[in-house]
Amino acid sequence: MSDHANEPDPDEPEITDEAIEELIDQATAAEEAGVTDAAESPSPELTVEDLVLTLESVSTERDQYLDSLRRIQAEFENYKKAVAKRTVDERERANDKIVGELLPVLDACEGAVKNGSEDVIPVQNQLVAALERHGLEKSDPADQPFNPEEHEAVMHEPSDDVDEPTVAEVLRTGYLWKGRVLRPAMVRVKG
């Protein structure tokens, strides 16, 4: 500690016994004269007009708080809806990714069956059935009009039998996931 800690501050007035006695005398004189604390003094009488103005002021303030509360509540409800929608969208993207990674397995099963391996059919059927329960659909566009949004044309042959381009052969199965194209069918088109 420094030696200056006990020295009096030059800006503070010095409190002496004489100053204390003078303050006590002033307080006593004021008490005898009837001057009291503002908190103890009687308040002026309130009029009906004053009460009505106070009530209107409080009502206006209440209405502002109520409007603010309603606005905040609506914003919170919108926030909850947005979070719920975002959660559903993220779950759907995760499902899309998983199903997309299973498509080569389905292709391998399909290729094995086409090459005469009958043992794969039960596994393929179970896998397809499980995925179909959750929204997978096979796209089998054979003999249907060509749709570039759902089909990928890798071969084209001219034909006079059809008026519009038509899928002649499906080279690789396409799949839809909950109504959206997950993978377009690879096709040969005639016409």
N, C-alpha and C. Protein backbone atom coordinates (compact mmCIF):
# COMPACT_ATOMS: atom_id res chain seq x y z
N MET A 1 0.84 -1.18 0.00
CA MET A 1 0.00 0.00 0.00
C MET A 1 0.88 1.23 0.00
N SER A 2 0.37 2.28 -0.60
CA SER A 2 1.15 3.50 -0.65
C SER A 2 0.89 4.34 0.59
N ASP A 3 1.78 5.25 0.83
CA ASP A 3 1.66 6.13 1.99
C ASP A 3 0.57 7.17 1.76
N HIS A 4 0.17 7.36 0.54
CA HIS A 4 -0.81 8.38 0.21
C HIS A 4 -2.24 7.92 0.51
N ALA A 5 -2.46 6.68 0.86
CA ALA A 5 -3.79 6.14 1.08
C ALA A 5 -4.47 6.80 2.27
N ASN A 6 -3.76 7.19 3.26
CA ASN A 6 -4.37 7.77 4.45
C ASN A 6 -4.44 9.29 4.38
N GLU A 7 -3.91 9.89 3.34
CA GLU A 7 -3.95 11.34 3.22
C GLU A 7 -5.34 11.77 2.78
N PRO A 8 -5.85 12.90 3.30
CA PRO A 8 -7.19 13.36 2.90
C PRO A 8 -7.17 13.84 1.45
N ASP A 9 -8.33 13.63 0.77
CA ASP A 9 -8.49 14.07 -0.61
C ASP A 9 -8.74 15.57 -0.59
N PRO A 10 -7.97 16.38 -1.36
CA PRO A 10 -8.13 17.83 -1.33
C PRO A 10 -9.48 18.28 -1.90
N ASP A 11 -10.14 17.45 -2.73
CA ASP A 11 -11.43 17.83 -3.32
C ASP A 11 -12.59 17.60 -2.36
N GLU A 12 -12.46 16.72 -1.39
CA GLU A 12 -13.54 16.42 -0.45
C GLU A 12 -13.54 17.45 0.67
N PRO A 13 -14.75 17.94 1.06
CA PRO A 13 -14.79 18.87 2.20
C PRO A 13 -14.46 18.13 3.49
N GLU A 14 -13.86 18.83 4.38
CA GLU A 14 -13.45 18.22 5.64
C GLU A 14 -14.65 18.21 6.58
N ILE A 15 -14.93 17.06 7.18
CA ILE A 15 -16.06 16.94 8.11
C ILE A 15 -15.53 17.15 9.52
N THR A 16 -16.04 18.20 10.12
CA THR A 16 -15.61 18.51 11.48
C THR A 16 -16.81 18.39 12.41
N ASP A 17 -16.54 18.40 13.72
CA ASP A 17 -17.62 18.34 14.70
C ASP A 17 -18.52 19.56 14.57
N GLU A 18 -17.93 20.68 14.24
CA GLU A 18 -18.72 21.91 14.09
C GLU A 18 -19.68 21.78 12.91
N ALA A 19 -19.24 21.16 11.80
CA ALA A 19 -20.09 21.00 10.62
C ALA A 19 -21.25 20.07 10.94
N ILE A 20 -20.98 19.01 11.70
CA ILE A 20 -22.03 18.06 12.08
C ILE A 20 -23.07 18.76 12.95
N GLU A 21 -22.61 19.54 13.92
CA GLU A 21 -23.54 20.25 14.80
C GLU A 21 -24.39 21.22 14.01
N GLU A 22 -23.80 21.88 13.02
CA GLU A 22 -24.56 22.83 12.21
C GLU A 22 -25.64 22.13 11.41
N LEU A 23 -25.35 20.93 10.83
CA LEU A 23 -26.34 20.15 10.08
C LEU A 23 -27.48 19.71 10.99
N ILE A 24 -27.16 19.30 12.20
CA ILE A 24 -28.20 18.88 13.15
C ILE A 24 -29.10 20.07 13.48
N ASP A 25 -28.52 21.23 13.69
CA ASP A 25 -29.30 22.43 14.00
C ASP A 25 -30.22 22.79 12.83
N GLN A 26 -29.73 22.67 11.61
CA GLN A 26 -30.54 22.99 10.44
C GLN A 26 -31.71 22.01 10.30
N ALA A 27 -31.47 20.72 10.55
CA ALA A 27 -32.52 19.71 10.45
C ALA A 27 -33.59 19.96 11.51
N THR A 28 -33.18 20.32 12.71
CA THR A 28 -34.13 20.58 13.79
C THR A 28 -34.98 21.80 13.47
N ALA A 29 -34.36 22.85 12.95
CA ALA A 29 -35.09 24.06 12.59
C ALA A 29 -36.09 23.78 11.49
N ALA A 30 -35.71 22.97 10.51
CA ALA A 30 -36.62 22.64 9.41
C ALA A 30 -37.79 21.81 9.92
N GLU A 31 -37.54 20.91 10.85
CA GLU A 31 -38.59 20.07 11.42
C GLU A 31 -39.60 20.93 12.18
N GLU A 32 -39.08 21.89 12.94
CA GLU A 32 -39.96 22.77 13.71
C GLU A 32 -40.78 23.67 12.79
N ALA A 33 -40.22 24.02 11.61
CA ALA A 33 -40.93 24.88 10.67
C ALA A 33 -41.96 24.11 9.87
N GLY A 34 -41.98 22.76 9.95
CA GLY A 34 -42.98 21.94 9.25
C GLY A 34 -42.53 21.45 7.89
N VAL A 35 -41.25 21.65 7.53
CA VAL A 35 -40.73 21.16 6.26
C VAL A 35 -40.29 19.72 6.49
N THR A 36 -40.82 18.81 5.66
CA THR A 36 -40.46 17.40 5.80
C THR A 36 -39.97 16.88 4.46
N ASP A 37 -39.63 15.62 4.44
CA ASP A 37 -39.19 14.93 3.22
C ASP A 37 -40.30 14.97 2.17
N ALA A 38 -39.94 15.02 0.90
CA ALA A 38 -40.93 15.06 -0.18
C ALA A 38 -41.77 13.79 -0.16
N ALA A 39 -41.19 12.66 0.24
CA ALA A 39 -41.92 11.40 0.25
C ALA A 39 -43.00 11.42 1.32
N GLU A 40 -42.77 12.17 2.38
CA GLU A 40 -43.73 12.19 3.46
C GLU A 40 -44.78 13.27 3.27
N SER A 41 -44.55 14.20 2.32
CA SER A 41 -45.50 15.29 2.14
C SER A 41 -46.76 14.76 1.49
N PRO A 42 -47.89 15.31 1.86
CA PRO A 42 -49.15 14.84 1.28
C PRO A 42 -49.19 15.19 -0.20
N SER A 43 -49.70 14.24 -1.04
CA SER A 43 -49.77 14.48 -2.47
C SER A 43 -51.02 15.28 -2.79
N PRO A 44 -50.96 16.03 -3.88
CA PRO A 44 -52.15 16.79 -4.24
C PRO A 44 -53.27 15.82 -4.61
N GLU A 45 -54.49 16.23 -4.49
CA GLU A 45 -55.62 15.36 -4.77
C GLU A 45 -55.68 15.02 -6.25
N LEU A 46 -55.98 13.74 -6.57
CA LEU A 46 -56.11 13.31 -7.95
C LEU A 46 -57.51 13.61 -8.43
N THR A 47 -57.59 14.10 -9.66
CA THR A 47 -58.90 14.38 -10.23
C THR A 47 -59.29 13.22 -11.14
N VAL A 48 -60.54 13.20 -11.52
CA VAL A 48 -61.05 12.16 -12.41
C VAL A 48 -60.34 12.26 -13.76
N GLU A 49 -60.08 13.48 -14.21
CA GLU A 49 -59.40 13.67 -15.48
C GLU A 49 -57.99 13.06 -15.44
N ASP A 50 -57.30 13.25 -14.30
CA ASP A 50 -55.96 12.67 -14.15
C ASP A 50 -56.03 11.15 -14.21
N LEU A 51 -57.01 10.59 -13.53
CA LEU A 51 -57.17 9.12 -13.53
C LEU A 51 -57.50 8.61 -14.93
N VAL A 52 -58.36 9.32 -15.68
CA VAL A 52 -58.72 8.90 -17.03
C VAL A 52 -57.50 8.97 -17.94
N LEU A 53 -56.71 10.03 -17.83
CA LEU A 53 -55.49 10.15 -18.65
C LEU A 53 -54.51 9.03 -18.32
N THR A 54 -54.35 8.73 -17.05
CA THR A 54 -53.45 7.65 -16.64
C THR A 54 -53.95 6.31 -17.18
N LEU A 55 -55.25 6.08 -17.10
CA LEU A 55 -55.83 4.82 -17.60
C LEU A 55 -55.62 4.71 -19.11
N GLU A 56 -55.84 5.79 -19.84
CA GLU A 56 -55.63 5.77 -21.30
C GLU A 56 -54.17 5.50 -21.62
N SER A 57 -53.27 6.10 -20.89
CA SER A 57 -51.84 5.89 -21.11
C SER A 57 -51.46 4.44 -20.86
N VAL A 58 -51.95 3.89 -19.77
CA VAL A 58 -51.65 2.49 -19.43
C VAL A 58 -52.27 1.55 -20.46
N SER A 59 -53.49 1.86 -20.93
CA SER A 59 -54.14 1.01 -21.94
C SER A 59 -53.36 1.03 -23.25
N THR A 60 -52.89 2.20 -23.66
CA THR A 60 -52.09 2.30 -24.89
C THR A 60 -50.81 1.50 -24.77
N GLU A 61 -50.16 1.62 -23.63
CA GLU A 61 -48.92 0.87 -23.40
C GLU A 61 -49.19 -0.64 -23.41
N ARG A 62 -50.30 -1.05 -22.80
CA ARG A 62 -50.67 -2.47 -22.78
C ARG A 62 -50.90 -2.97 -24.20
N ASP A 63 -51.61 -2.17 -25.02
CA ASP A 63 -51.88 -2.57 -26.40
C ASP A 63 -50.59 -2.71 -27.21
N GLN A 64 -49.63 -1.83 -26.97
CA GLN A 64 -48.34 -1.93 -27.67
C GLN A 64 -47.61 -3.21 -27.28
N TYR A 65 -47.62 -3.53 -25.99
CA TYR A 65 -46.98 -4.77 -25.54
C TYR A 65 -47.69 -5.99 -26.12
N LEU A 66 -49.01 -5.93 -26.18
CA LEU A 66 -49.78 -7.05 -26.73
C LEU A 66 -49.47 -7.25 -28.21
N ASP A 67 -49.39 -6.14 -28.96
CA ASP A 67 -49.03 -6.24 -30.38
C ASP A 67 -47.63 -6.82 -30.55
N SER A 68 -46.71 -6.36 -29.73
CA SER A 68 -45.34 -6.89 -29.79
C SER A 68 -45.33 -8.38 -29.49
N LEU A 69 -46.08 -8.78 -28.50
CA LEU A 69 -46.14 -10.20 -28.13
C LEU A 69 -46.71 -11.03 -29.28
N ARG A 70 -47.78 -10.54 -29.89
CA ARG A 70 -48.38 -11.28 -31.01
C ARG A 70 -47.42 -11.39 -32.18
N ARG A 71 -46.71 -10.31 -32.47
CA ARG A 71 -45.73 -10.33 -33.56
C ARG A 71 -44.61 -11.33 -33.28
N ILE A 72 -44.12 -11.32 -32.06
CA ILE A 72 -43.05 -12.26 -31.68
C ILE A 72 -43.56 -13.69 -31.73
N GLN A 73 -44.79 -13.90 -31.29
CA GLN A 73 -45.37 -15.24 -31.32
C GLN A 73 -45.51 -15.74 -32.77
N ALA A 74 -45.95 -14.85 -33.67
CA ALA A 74 -46.08 -15.24 -35.08
C ALA A 74 -44.71 -15.55 -35.68
N GLU A 75 -43.71 -14.74 -35.35
CA GLU A 75 -42.36 -15.00 -35.85
C GLU A 75 -41.84 -16.34 -35.34
N PHE A 76 -42.14 -16.65 -34.08
CA PHE A 76 -41.69 -17.92 -33.51
C PHE A 76 -42.38 -19.09 -34.20
N GLU A 77 -43.68 -18.96 -34.48
CA GLU A 77 -44.40 -20.03 -35.19
C GLU A 77 -43.81 -20.23 -36.58
N ASN A 78 -43.50 -19.14 -37.28
CA ASN A 78 -42.87 -19.24 -38.60
C ASN A 78 -41.51 -19.91 -38.51
N TYR A 79 -40.76 -19.58 -37.47
CA TYR A 79 -39.45 -20.19 -37.26
C TYR A 79 -39.59 -21.70 -37.04
N LYS A 80 -40.56 -22.10 -36.21
CA LYS A 80 -40.77 -23.53 -35.96
C LYS A 80 -41.12 -24.26 -37.24
N LYS A 81 -41.98 -23.65 -38.08
CA LYS A 81 -42.36 -24.28 -39.35
C LYS A 81 -41.14 -24.41 -40.27
N ALA A 82 -40.32 -23.36 -40.31
CA ALA A 82 -39.13 -23.39 -41.17
C ALA A 82 -38.16 -24.48 -40.72
N VAL A 83 -37.98 -24.61 -39.40
CA VAL A 83 -37.08 -25.64 -38.87
C VAL A 83 -37.63 -27.03 -39.19
N ALA A 84 -38.93 -27.21 -39.02
CA ALA A 84 -39.53 -28.52 -39.33
C ALA A 84 -39.37 -28.86 -40.81
N LYS A 85 -39.59 -27.87 -41.68
CA LYS A 85 -39.44 -28.11 -43.13
C LYS A 85 -37.99 -28.42 -43.47
N ARG A 86 -37.06 -27.69 -42.87
CA ARG A 86 -35.64 -27.94 -43.12
C ARG A 86 -35.26 -29.35 -42.67
N THR A 87 -35.79 -29.79 -41.54
CA THR A 87 -35.49 -31.13 -41.04
C THR A 87 -36.00 -32.19 -42.00
N VAL A 88 -37.23 -32.00 -42.50
CA VAL A 88 -37.80 -32.95 -43.46
C VAL A 88 -36.97 -32.96 -44.74
N ASP A 89 -36.59 -31.78 -45.23
CA ASP A 89 -35.78 -31.70 -46.46
C ASP A 89 -34.43 -32.41 -46.29
N GLU A 90 -33.79 -32.20 -45.13
CA GLU A 90 -32.50 -32.86 -44.88
C GLU A 90 -32.66 -34.37 -44.82
N ARG A 91 -33.76 -34.83 -44.21
CA ARG A 91 -34.00 -36.27 -44.14
C ARG A 91 -34.23 -36.83 -45.53
N GLU A 92 -34.98 -36.09 -46.37
CA GLU A 92 -35.23 -36.54 -47.74
C GLU A 92 -33.93 -36.61 -48.55
N ARG A 93 -33.07 -35.61 -48.39
CA ARG A 93 -31.79 -35.64 -49.12
C ARG A 93 -30.95 -36.82 -48.67
N ALA A 94 -30.97 -37.12 -47.37
CA ALA A 94 -30.21 -38.26 -46.87
C ALA A 94 -30.76 -39.56 -47.45
N ASN A 95 -32.10 -39.68 -47.51
CA ASN A 95 -32.72 -40.87 -48.10
C ASN A 95 -32.38 -40.98 -49.58
N ASP A 96 -32.44 -39.83 -50.29
CA ASP A 96 -32.09 -39.84 -51.72
C ASP A 96 -30.68 -40.38 -51.93
N LYS A 97 -29.77 -39.94 -51.07
CA LYS A 97 -28.37 -40.36 -51.20
C LYS A 97 -28.23 -41.87 -50.96
N ILE A 98 -28.88 -42.37 -49.92
CA ILE A 98 -28.79 -43.80 -49.60
C ILE A 98 -29.36 -44.64 -50.74
N VAL A 99 -30.54 -44.24 -51.22
CA VAL A 99 -31.18 -45.00 -52.30
C VAL A 99 -30.33 -44.92 -53.56
N GLY A 100 -29.75 -43.74 -53.83
CA GLY A 100 -28.88 -43.58 -54.99
C GLY A 100 -27.67 -44.51 -54.93
N GLU A 101 -27.16 -44.73 -53.72
CA GLU A 101 -26.01 -45.63 -53.56
C GLU A 101 -26.42 -47.11 -53.69
N LEU A 102 -27.71 -47.40 -53.51
CA LEU A 102 -28.18 -48.79 -53.66
C LEU A 102 -28.52 -49.14 -55.11
N LEU A 103 -28.63 -48.16 -55.98
CA LEU A 103 -28.99 -48.45 -57.38
C LEU A 103 -27.98 -49.35 -58.08
N PRO A 104 -26.66 -49.19 -57.89
CA PRO A 104 -25.74 -50.14 -58.51
C PRO A 104 -25.96 -51.58 -58.04
N VAL A 105 -26.41 -51.75 -56.80
CA VAL A 105 -26.71 -53.11 -56.30
C VAL A 105 -27.90 -53.67 -57.07
N LEU A 106 -28.93 -52.84 -57.27
CA LEU A 106 -30.09 -53.29 -58.04
C LEU A 106 -29.68 -53.61 -59.48
N ASP A 107 -28.79 -52.78 -60.05
CA ASP A 107 -28.31 -53.04 -61.42
C ASP A 107 -27.56 -54.37 -61.48
N ALA A 108 -26.75 -54.65 -60.46
CA ALA A 108 -25.99 -55.91 -60.44
C ALA A 108 -26.94 -57.10 -60.33
N CYS A 109 -27.97 -56.97 -59.51
CA CYS A 109 -28.96 -58.05 -59.39
C CYS A 109 -29.68 -58.26 -60.73
N GLU A 110 -30.07 -57.17 -61.36
CA GLU A 110 -30.76 -57.25 -62.64
C GLU A 110 -29.87 -57.90 -63.71
N GLY A 111 -28.59 -57.53 -63.72
CA GLY A 111 -27.65 -58.12 -64.68
C GLY A 111 -27.45 -59.60 -64.42
N ALA A 112 -27.39 -59.97 -63.14
CA ALA A 112 -27.21 -61.39 -62.81
C ALA A 112 -28.42 -62.20 -63.26
N VAL A 113 -29.62 -61.68 -63.07
CA VAL A 113 -30.83 -62.39 -63.49
C VAL A 113 -30.87 -62.52 -65.00
N LYS A 114 -30.50 -61.46 -65.73
CA LYS A 114 -30.48 -61.51 -67.20
C LYS A 114 -29.48 -62.55 -67.71
N ASN A 115 -28.41 -62.79 -66.93
CA ASN A 115 -27.40 -63.76 -67.34
C ASN A 115 -27.67 -65.15 -66.79
N GLY A 116 -28.88 -65.36 -66.25
CA GLY A 116 -29.29 -66.71 -65.87
C GLY A 116 -29.06 -67.09 -64.42
N SER A 117 -28.69 -66.20 -63.57
CA SER A 117 -28.48 -66.54 -62.17
C SER A 117 -29.79 -66.36 -61.40
N GLU A 118 -30.49 -67.48 -61.21
CA GLU A 118 -31.80 -67.46 -60.56
C GLU A 118 -31.70 -67.25 -59.05
N ASP A 119 -30.53 -67.52 -58.46
CA ASP A 119 -30.37 -67.42 -57.00
C ASP A 119 -30.48 -65.97 -56.50
N VAL A 120 -30.30 -65.03 -57.37
CA VAL A 120 -30.30 -63.62 -56.99
C VAL A 120 -31.72 -63.05 -56.91
N ILE A 121 -32.66 -63.69 -57.56
CA ILE A 121 -34.03 -63.17 -57.65
C ILE A 121 -34.65 -62.89 -56.27
N PRO A 122 -34.57 -63.77 -55.28
CA PRO A 122 -35.19 -63.46 -53.98
C PRO A 122 -34.57 -62.22 -53.31
N VAL A 123 -33.26 -62.08 -53.42
CA VAL A 123 -32.59 -60.92 -52.81
C VAL A 123 -33.03 -59.65 -53.54
N GLN A 124 -33.06 -59.70 -54.85
CA GLN A 124 -33.49 -58.55 -55.64
C GLN A 124 -34.92 -58.16 -55.30
N ASN A 125 -35.80 -59.15 -55.22
CA ASN A 125 -37.21 -58.87 -54.91
C ASN A 125 -37.37 -58.24 -53.52
N GLN A 126 -36.64 -58.76 -52.54
CA GLN A 126 -36.72 -58.20 -51.19
C GLN A 126 -36.21 -56.76 -51.14
N LEU A 127 -35.10 -56.52 -51.82
CA LEU A 127 -34.53 -55.17 -51.82
C LEU A 127 -35.47 -54.19 -52.52
N VAL A 128 -36.00 -54.58 -53.67
CA VAL A 128 -36.92 -53.71 -54.40
C VAL A 128 -38.19 -53.48 -53.58
N ALA A 129 -38.73 -54.51 -52.96
CA ALA A 129 -39.96 -54.37 -52.17
C ALA A 129 -39.74 -53.43 -50.98
N ALA A 130 -38.60 -53.57 -50.31
CA ALA A 130 -38.30 -52.69 -49.17
C ALA A 130 -38.20 -51.24 -49.62
N LEU A 131 -37.54 -50.99 -50.73
CA LEU A 131 -37.39 -49.63 -51.22
C LEU A 131 -38.70 -49.06 -51.77
N GLU A 132 -39.51 -49.91 -52.39
CA GLU A 132 -40.81 -49.47 -52.91
C GLU A 132 -41.75 -49.05 -51.79
N ARG A 133 -41.66 -49.70 -50.64
CA ARG A 133 -42.50 -49.32 -49.49
C ARG A 133 -42.20 -47.89 -49.04
N HIS A 134 -40.99 -47.42 -49.32
CA HIS A 134 -40.59 -46.08 -48.88
C HIS A 134 -40.61 -45.05 -50.00
N GLY A 135 -40.99 -45.45 -51.23
CA GLY A 135 -41.15 -44.45 -52.28
C GLY A 135 -40.39 -44.69 -53.57
N LEU A 136 -39.72 -45.83 -53.73
CA LEU A 136 -39.00 -46.10 -54.98
C LEU A 136 -39.97 -46.64 -56.03
N GLU A 137 -39.83 -46.15 -57.26
CA GLU A 137 -40.64 -46.65 -58.38
C GLU A 137 -39.71 -46.94 -59.56
N LYS A 138 -39.94 -48.08 -60.22
CA LYS A 138 -39.19 -48.40 -61.43
C LYS A 138 -39.78 -47.62 -62.59
N SER A 139 -38.91 -47.15 -63.46
CA SER A 139 -39.36 -46.46 -64.67
C SER A 139 -39.18 -47.44 -65.83
N ASP A 140 -40.31 -47.93 -66.37
CA ASP A 140 -40.27 -48.87 -67.49
C ASP A 140 -40.96 -48.22 -68.69
N PRO A 141 -40.21 -47.43 -69.45
CA PRO A 141 -40.83 -46.65 -70.52
C PRO A 141 -40.92 -47.35 -71.88
N ALA A 142 -40.76 -48.66 -71.92
CA ALA A 142 -40.77 -49.36 -73.22
C ALA A 142 -42.07 -49.07 -73.96
N ASP A 143 -41.92 -48.74 -75.25
CA ASP A 143 -43.02 -48.44 -76.17
C ASP A 143 -43.83 -47.19 -75.78
N GLN A 144 -43.27 -46.34 -74.94
CA GLN A 144 -43.91 -45.08 -74.57
C GLN A 144 -43.20 -43.93 -75.27
N PRO A 145 -43.86 -42.79 -75.38
CA PRO A 145 -43.17 -41.63 -75.99
C PRO A 145 -41.93 -41.26 -75.18
N PHE A 146 -40.91 -40.83 -75.91
CA PHE A 146 -39.65 -40.43 -75.27
C PHE A 146 -39.87 -39.14 -74.49
N ASN A 147 -39.42 -39.12 -73.24
CA ASN A 147 -39.51 -37.94 -72.38
C ASN A 147 -38.10 -37.62 -71.89
N PRO A 148 -37.48 -36.54 -72.36
CA PRO A 148 -36.09 -36.25 -71.98
C PRO A 148 -35.91 -35.96 -70.49
N GLU A 149 -36.99 -35.67 -69.77
CA GLU A 149 -36.88 -35.44 -68.33
C GLU A 149 -36.77 -36.75 -67.54
N GLU A 150 -37.27 -37.84 -68.14
CA GLU A 150 -37.26 -39.13 -67.44
C GLU A 150 -36.40 -40.18 -68.14
N HIS A 151 -35.98 -39.90 -69.37
CA HIS A 151 -35.23 -40.89 -70.14
C HIS A 151 -33.94 -40.28 -70.67
N GLU A 152 -32.92 -41.12 -70.75
CA GLU A 152 -31.64 -40.71 -71.32
C GLU A 152 -31.42 -41.52 -72.60
N ALA A 153 -31.50 -40.85 -73.74
CA ALA A 153 -31.35 -41.54 -75.02
C ALA A 153 -29.87 -41.71 -75.33
N VAL A 154 -29.45 -42.97 -75.51
CA VAL A 154 -28.05 -43.24 -75.85
C VAL A 154 -27.92 -43.77 -77.28
N MET A 155 -29.06 -44.17 -77.87
CA MET A 155 -29.07 -44.64 -79.25
C MET A 155 -30.34 -44.12 -79.91
N HIS A 156 -30.24 -43.83 -81.20
CA HIS A 156 -31.41 -43.35 -81.93
C HIS A 156 -31.43 -44.02 -83.30
N GLU A 157 -32.59 -44.51 -83.69
CA GLU A 157 -32.72 -45.12 -85.01
C GLU A 157 -33.96 -44.55 -85.69
N PRO A 158 -33.85 -44.22 -86.94
CA PRO A 158 -35.01 -43.68 -87.65
C PRO A 158 -36.07 -44.77 -87.87
N SER A 159 -37.33 -44.33 -87.89
CA SER A 159 -38.42 -45.28 -88.10
C SER A 159 -39.61 -44.54 -88.68
N ASP A 160 -40.30 -45.20 -89.61
CA ASP A 160 -41.50 -44.61 -90.22
C ASP A 160 -42.76 -45.11 -89.52
N ASP A 161 -42.65 -46.09 -88.59
CA ASP A 161 -43.82 -46.66 -87.91
C ASP A 161 -44.44 -45.71 -86.88
N VAL A 162 -43.67 -44.77 -86.35
CA VAL A 162 -44.16 -43.92 -85.26
C VAL A 162 -44.15 -42.45 -85.68
N ASP A 163 -45.10 -41.69 -85.09
CA ASP A 163 -45.19 -40.26 -85.40
C ASP A 163 -44.22 -39.42 -84.58
N GLU A 164 -43.97 -39.86 -83.36
CA GLU A 164 -43.09 -39.12 -82.45
C GLU A 164 -42.03 -40.08 -81.91
N PRO A 165 -40.92 -39.55 -81.41
CA PRO A 165 -39.87 -40.43 -80.86
C PRO A 165 -40.44 -41.30 -79.74
N THR A 166 -40.15 -42.59 -79.84
CA THR A 166 -40.69 -43.57 -78.89
C THR A 166 -39.54 -44.44 -78.38
N VAL A 167 -39.66 -44.86 -77.12
CA VAL A 167 -38.65 -45.73 -76.52
C VAL A 167 -38.79 -47.12 -77.12
N ALA A 168 -37.73 -47.59 -77.79
CA ALA A 168 -37.74 -48.90 -78.41
C ALA A 168 -37.23 -49.97 -77.45
N GLU A 169 -36.24 -49.61 -76.62
CA GLU A 169 -35.64 -50.60 -75.72
C GLU A 169 -35.08 -49.87 -74.49
N VAL A 170 -35.22 -50.51 -73.32
CA VAL A 170 -34.65 -49.97 -72.09
C VAL A 170 -33.32 -50.67 -71.87
N LEU A 171 -32.22 -49.91 -71.88
CA LEU A 171 -30.90 -50.48 -71.70
C LEU A 171 -30.49 -50.51 -70.22
N ARG A 172 -30.97 -49.55 -69.46
CA ARG A 172 -30.73 -49.54 -68.01
C ARG A 172 -31.99 -48.97 -67.35
N THR A 173 -32.47 -49.66 -66.34
CA THR A 173 -33.70 -49.27 -65.65
C THR A 173 -33.53 -47.90 -64.99
N GLY A 174 -34.56 -47.09 -65.11
CA GLY A 174 -34.57 -45.81 -64.43
C GLY A 174 -35.41 -45.92 -63.16
N TYR A 175 -35.20 -45.02 -62.23
CA TYR A 175 -35.94 -45.06 -60.97
C TYR A 175 -36.44 -43.68 -60.58
N LEU A 176 -37.61 -43.66 -59.98
CA LEU A 176 -38.18 -42.46 -59.40
C LEU A 176 -38.18 -42.65 -57.89
N TRP A 177 -37.92 -41.58 -57.16
CA TRP A 177 -37.97 -41.63 -55.70
C TRP A 177 -38.98 -40.59 -55.24
N LYS A 178 -40.10 -41.08 -54.75
CA LYS A 178 -41.20 -40.23 -54.27
C LYS A 178 -41.63 -39.24 -55.35
N GLY A 179 -41.75 -39.77 -56.58
CA GLY A 179 -42.25 -38.97 -57.69
C GLY A 179 -41.20 -38.16 -58.44
N ARG A 180 -39.98 -38.06 -57.90
CA ARG A 180 -38.91 -37.32 -58.57
C ARG A 180 -37.97 -38.32 -59.26
N VAL A 181 -37.41 -37.89 -60.38
CA VAL A 181 -36.47 -38.76 -61.09
C VAL A 181 -35.19 -38.87 -60.28
N LEU A 182 -34.90 -40.09 -59.86
CA LEU A 182 -33.66 -40.35 -59.13
C LEU A 182 -32.55 -40.66 -60.13
N ARG A 183 -32.90 -41.48 -61.12
CA ARG A 183 -31.96 -41.79 -62.20
C ARG A 183 -32.79 -42.04 -63.46
N PRO A 184 -32.49 -41.31 -64.55
CA PRO A 184 -33.27 -41.53 -65.78
C PRO A 184 -32.98 -42.90 -66.38
N ALA A 185 -33.99 -43.44 -67.04
CA ALA A 185 -33.81 -44.73 -67.74
C ALA A 185 -32.95 -44.49 -68.97
N MET A 186 -31.97 -45.38 -69.18
CA MET A 186 -31.12 -45.28 -70.37
C MET A 186 -31.82 -46.08 -71.47
N VAL A 187 -32.13 -45.41 -72.60
CA VAL A 187 -32.99 -46.03 -73.62
C VAL A 187 -32.45 -45.88 -75.03
N ARG A 188 -32.99 -46.74 -75.90
CA ARG A 188 -32.78 -46.64 -77.35
C ARG A 188 -34.08 -46.11 -77.90
N VAL A 189 -33.98 -45.04 -78.72
CA VAL A 189 -35.20 -44.36 -79.22
C VAL A 189 -35.32 -44.61 -80.71
N LYS A 190 -36.57 -44.82 -81.15
CA LYS A 190 -36.84 -44.92 -82.58
C LYS A 190 -37.79 -43.80 -82.97
N GLY A 191 -37.64 -43.38 -84.24
CA GLY A 191 -38.54 -42.36 -84.76
C GLY A 191 -37.97 -40.98 -84.83
